[in-house]
Amino acid sequence: MSRVNPTPAERKFDEGRLMQVLVAPIVSEKATLVAEKSNAVTFKVLQNATKPEIKAAVELLFKVEVKGVSVVNTKGKTKRFGKTIGRRDNVRKAYVLLKPGQELNLSGEAA
C-alpha cells in the first residue's frame, strides 16, 4: 500500500527527465568563490526543476552525495542594440552543497 506523500528517499524520478534537469555548470568568479568557501557547485537548471529533482540529478550524474540545494531565479535583463530591443532569458541557478569529503570535478580531466 503506497502512502499519499512519499518521503524523498521513496520518491522515484524519471531518469530521462533527470538527464535534462541540469543545463550547464556556471563558471564565474562568484561560483568559484562559493565552491572554494562552502564546497558548493553552481548549475544552470531548467526553469521548472524542483530541489529534489536537482539533488537526484547531481547524485545520478556525478556519483556524489548532496547535502542540500539552494535555488535562485534571476529575471532576464532588457538590452538594447541600436533601435532593436532584446531581452535576455530568465535563468534558474542551483547552488548544490556537497557533503564533506565529496568532490565534483567539472574540468573534464581524469583524476
C-alpha atoms as a PDB file:
ATOM      1  CA  MET A   1       0.000   0.000   0.000  1.00  0.00           C
ATOM      2  CA  SER A   2       1.531   3.325  -1.061  1.00  0.00           C
ATOM      3  CA  ARG A   3       1.396   6.426   1.090  1.00  0.00           C
ATOM      4  CA  VAL A   4      -0.107   9.693  -0.112  1.00  0.00           C
ATOM      5  CA  ASN A   5       3.079  11.719   0.425  1.00  0.00           C
ATOM      6  CA  PRO A   6       6.184   9.563  -0.063  1.00  0.00           C
ATOM      7  CA  THR A   7       9.450  10.704   1.516  1.00  0.00           C
ATOM      8  CA  PRO A   8      12.174  11.977  -0.874  1.00  0.00           C
ATOM      9  CA  ALA A   9      14.014   8.653  -0.497  1.00  0.00           C
ATOM     10  CA  GLU A  10      10.910   6.746  -1.637  1.00  0.00           C
ATOM     11  CA  ARG A  11      10.129   9.133  -4.484  1.00  0.00           C
ATOM     12  CA  LYS A  12      11.458   7.948  -7.838  1.00  0.00           C
ATOM     13  CA  PHE A  13      12.243  10.297 -10.713  1.00  0.00           C
ATOM     14  CA  ASP A  14      12.206   9.580 -14.416  1.00  0.00           C
ATOM     15  CA  GLU A  15      15.855   9.078 -15.442  1.00  0.00           C
ATOM     16  CA  GLY A  16      15.310  10.760 -18.820  1.00  0.00           C
ATOM     17  CA  ARG A  17      13.988  13.862 -17.057  1.00  0.00           C
ATOM     18  CA  LEU A  18      16.942  13.886 -14.629  1.00  0.00           C
ATOM     19  CA  MET A  19      19.355  13.888 -17.568  1.00  0.00           C
ATOM     20  CA  GLN A  20      17.757  17.143 -18.783  1.00  0.00           C
ATOM     21  CA  VAL A  21      17.390  18.963 -15.450  1.00  0.00           C
ATOM     22  CA  LEU A  22      20.997  20.248 -15.348  1.00  0.00           C
ATOM     23  CA  VAL A  23      21.504  22.575 -18.324  1.00  0.00           C
ATOM     24  CA  ALA A  24      25.105  23.685 -17.731  1.00  0.00           C
ATOM     25  CA  PRO A  25      27.636  24.327 -14.963  1.00  0.00           C
ATOM     26  CA  ILE A  26      28.134  28.006 -14.166  1.00  0.00           C
ATOM     27  CA  VAL A  27      31.788  29.006 -14.200  1.00  0.00           C
ATOM     28  CA  SER A  28      32.180  32.554 -12.898  1.00  0.00           C
ATOM     29  CA  GLU A  29      34.133  34.389 -10.219  1.00  0.00           C
ATOM     30  CA  LYS A  30      31.227  34.174  -7.784  1.00  0.00           C
ATOM     31  CA  ALA A  31      30.623  30.467  -8.477  1.00  0.00           C
ATOM     32  CA  THR A  32      34.329  29.688  -7.969  1.00  0.00           C
ATOM     33  CA  LEU A  33      34.396  31.682  -4.713  1.00  0.00           C
ATOM     34  CA  VAL A  34      31.328  29.801  -3.404  1.00  0.00           C
ATOM     35  CA  ALA A  35      32.867  26.470  -4.457  1.00  0.00           C
ATOM     36  CA  GLU A  36      36.081  27.148  -2.519  1.00  0.00           C
ATOM     37  CA  LYS A  37      34.344  28.574   0.532  1.00  0.00           C
ATOM     38  CA  SER A  38      31.449  26.165   1.112  1.00  0.00           C
ATOM     39  CA  ASN A  39      32.041  23.117  -1.140  1.00  0.00           C
ATOM     40  CA  ALA A  40      29.095  24.058  -3.394  1.00  0.00           C
ATOM     41  CA  VAL A  41      28.790  23.679  -7.167  1.00  0.00           C
ATOM     42  CA  THR A  42      26.649  26.026  -9.274  1.00  0.00           C
ATOM     43  CA  PHE A  43      24.460  24.852 -12.167  1.00  0.00           C
ATOM     44  CA  LYS A  44      22.082  26.449 -14.618  1.00  0.00           C
ATOM     45  CA  VAL A  45      18.914  24.322 -14.395  1.00  0.00           C
ATOM     46  CA  LEU A  46      15.545  24.032 -16.130  1.00  0.00           C
ATOM     47  CA  GLN A  47      13.012  26.731 -15.207  1.00  0.00           C
ATOM     48  CA  ASN A  48      10.587  24.171 -13.724  1.00  0.00           C
ATOM     49  CA  ALA A  49      13.156  21.963 -11.928  1.00  0.00           C
ATOM     50  CA  THR A  50      12.498  21.242  -8.253  1.00  0.00           C
ATOM     51  CA  LYS A  51      15.090  20.948  -5.471  1.00  0.00           C
ATOM     52  CA  PRO A  52      14.601  17.161  -5.026  1.00  0.00           C
ATOM     53  CA  GLU A  53      14.948  16.697  -8.808  1.00  0.00           C
ATOM     54  CA  ILE A  54      18.175  18.723  -8.895  1.00  0.00           C
ATOM     55  CA  LYS A  55      19.585  16.739  -5.962  1.00  0.00           C
ATOM     56  CA  ALA A  56      18.703  13.419  -7.613  1.00  0.00           C
ATOM     57  CA  ALA A  57      20.168  14.564 -10.957  1.00  0.00           C
ATOM     58  CA  VAL A  58      23.527  15.606  -9.444  1.00  0.00           C
ATOM     59  CA  GLU A  59      23.763  12.376  -7.436  1.00  0.00           C
ATOM     60  CA  LEU A  60      22.934  10.307 -10.537  1.00  0.00           C
ATOM     61  CA  LEU A  61      25.245  12.086 -12.993  1.00  0.00           C
ATOM     62  CA  PHE A  62      28.282  12.739 -10.796  1.00  0.00           C
ATOM     63  CA  LYS A  63      28.045   9.906  -8.210  1.00  0.00           C
ATOM     64  CA  VAL A  64      28.425  12.272  -5.232  1.00  0.00           C
ATOM     65  CA  GLU A  65      26.416  12.805  -2.042  1.00  0.00           C
ATOM     66  CA  VAL A  66      24.457  16.072  -1.860  1.00  0.00           C
ATOM     67  CA  LYS A  67      23.889  17.860   1.443  1.00  0.00           C
ATOM     68  CA  GLY A  68      21.417  20.471   0.167  1.00  0.00           C
ATOM     69  CA  VAL A  69      20.232  22.564  -2.761  1.00  0.00           C
ATOM     70  CA  SER A  70      19.532  26.315  -2.893  1.00  0.00           C
ATOM     71  CA  VAL A  71      17.793  27.811  -5.912  1.00  0.00           C
ATOM     72  CA  VAL A  72      17.834  31.372  -7.312  1.00  0.00           C
ATOM     73  CA  ASN A  73      15.576  32.721 -10.059  1.00  0.00           C
ATOM     74  CA  THR A  74      17.195  35.592 -11.986  1.00  0.00           C
ATOM     75  CA  LYS A  75      14.993  37.745 -14.196  1.00  0.00           C
ATOM     76  CA  GLY A  76      16.350  38.415 -17.696  1.00  0.00           C
ATOM     77  CA  LYS A  77      17.566  41.931 -18.401  1.00  0.00           C
ATOM     78  CA  THR A  78      16.229  44.083 -21.228  1.00  0.00           C
ATOM     79  CA  LYS A  79      19.101  45.018 -23.536  1.00  0.00           C
ATOM     80  CA  ARG A  80      19.236  47.414 -26.478  1.00  0.00           C
ATOM     81  CA  PHE A  81      21.300  47.177 -29.599  1.00  0.00           C
ATOM     82  CA  GLY A  82      20.693  50.379 -31.546  1.00  0.00           C
ATOM     83  CA  LYS A  83      16.957  50.594 -32.215  1.00  0.00           C
ATOM     84  CA  THR A  84      16.172  46.952 -31.525  1.00  0.00           C
ATOM     85  CA  ILE A  85      15.202  45.932 -28.023  1.00  0.00           C
ATOM     86  CA  GLY A  86      16.007  42.424 -26.898  1.00  0.00           C
ATOM     87  CA  ARG A  87      15.621  40.533 -23.671  1.00  0.00           C
ATOM     88  CA  ARG A  88      17.885  38.001 -22.008  1.00  0.00           C
ATOM     89  CA  ASP A  89      16.330  34.736 -20.854  1.00  0.00           C
ATOM     90  CA  ASN A  90      15.279  34.203 -17.255  1.00  0.00           C
ATOM     91  CA  VAL A  91      17.807  31.932 -15.528  1.00  0.00           C
ATOM     92  CA  ARG A  92      17.300  29.473 -12.671  1.00  0.00           C
ATOM     93  CA  LYS A  93      20.533  28.731 -10.797  1.00  0.00           C
ATOM     94  CA  ALA A  94      21.064  25.900  -8.352  1.00  0.00           C
ATOM     95  CA  TYR A  95      23.759  26.007  -5.687  1.00  0.00           C
ATOM     96  CA  VAL A  96      24.383  22.342  -4.804  1.00  0.00           C
ATOM     97  CA  LEU A  97      26.088  21.829  -1.425  1.00  0.00           C
ATOM     98  CA  LEU A  98      28.156  18.657  -1.307  1.00  0.00           C
ATOM     99  CA  LYS A  99      28.716  16.644   1.864  1.00  0.00           C
ATOM    100  CA  PRO A 100      32.187  16.991   3.476  1.00  0.00           C
ATOM    101  CA  GLY A 101      34.798  14.886   1.699  1.00  0.00           C
ATOM    102  CA  GLN A 102      32.829  14.854  -1.569  1.00  0.00           C
ATOM    103  CA  GLU A 103      34.364  16.453  -4.650  1.00  0.00           C
ATOM    104  CA  LEU A 104      32.990  17.197  -8.115  1.00  0.00           C
ATOM    105  CA  ASN A 105      35.412  17.663 -10.996  1.00  0.00           C
ATOM    106  CA  LEU A 106      33.907  19.756 -13.813  1.00  0.00           C
ATOM    107  CA  SER A 107      37.145  20.459 -15.698  1.00  0.00           C
ATOM    108  CA  GLY A 108      36.921  17.148 -17.580  1.00  0.00           C
ATOM    109  CA  GLU A 109      40.366  15.934 -16.520  1.00  0.00           C
ATOM    110  CA  ALA A 110      40.666  12.344 -15.355  1.00  0.00           C
ATOM    111  CA  ALA A 111      41.907  12.203 -11.765  1.00  0.00           C
END
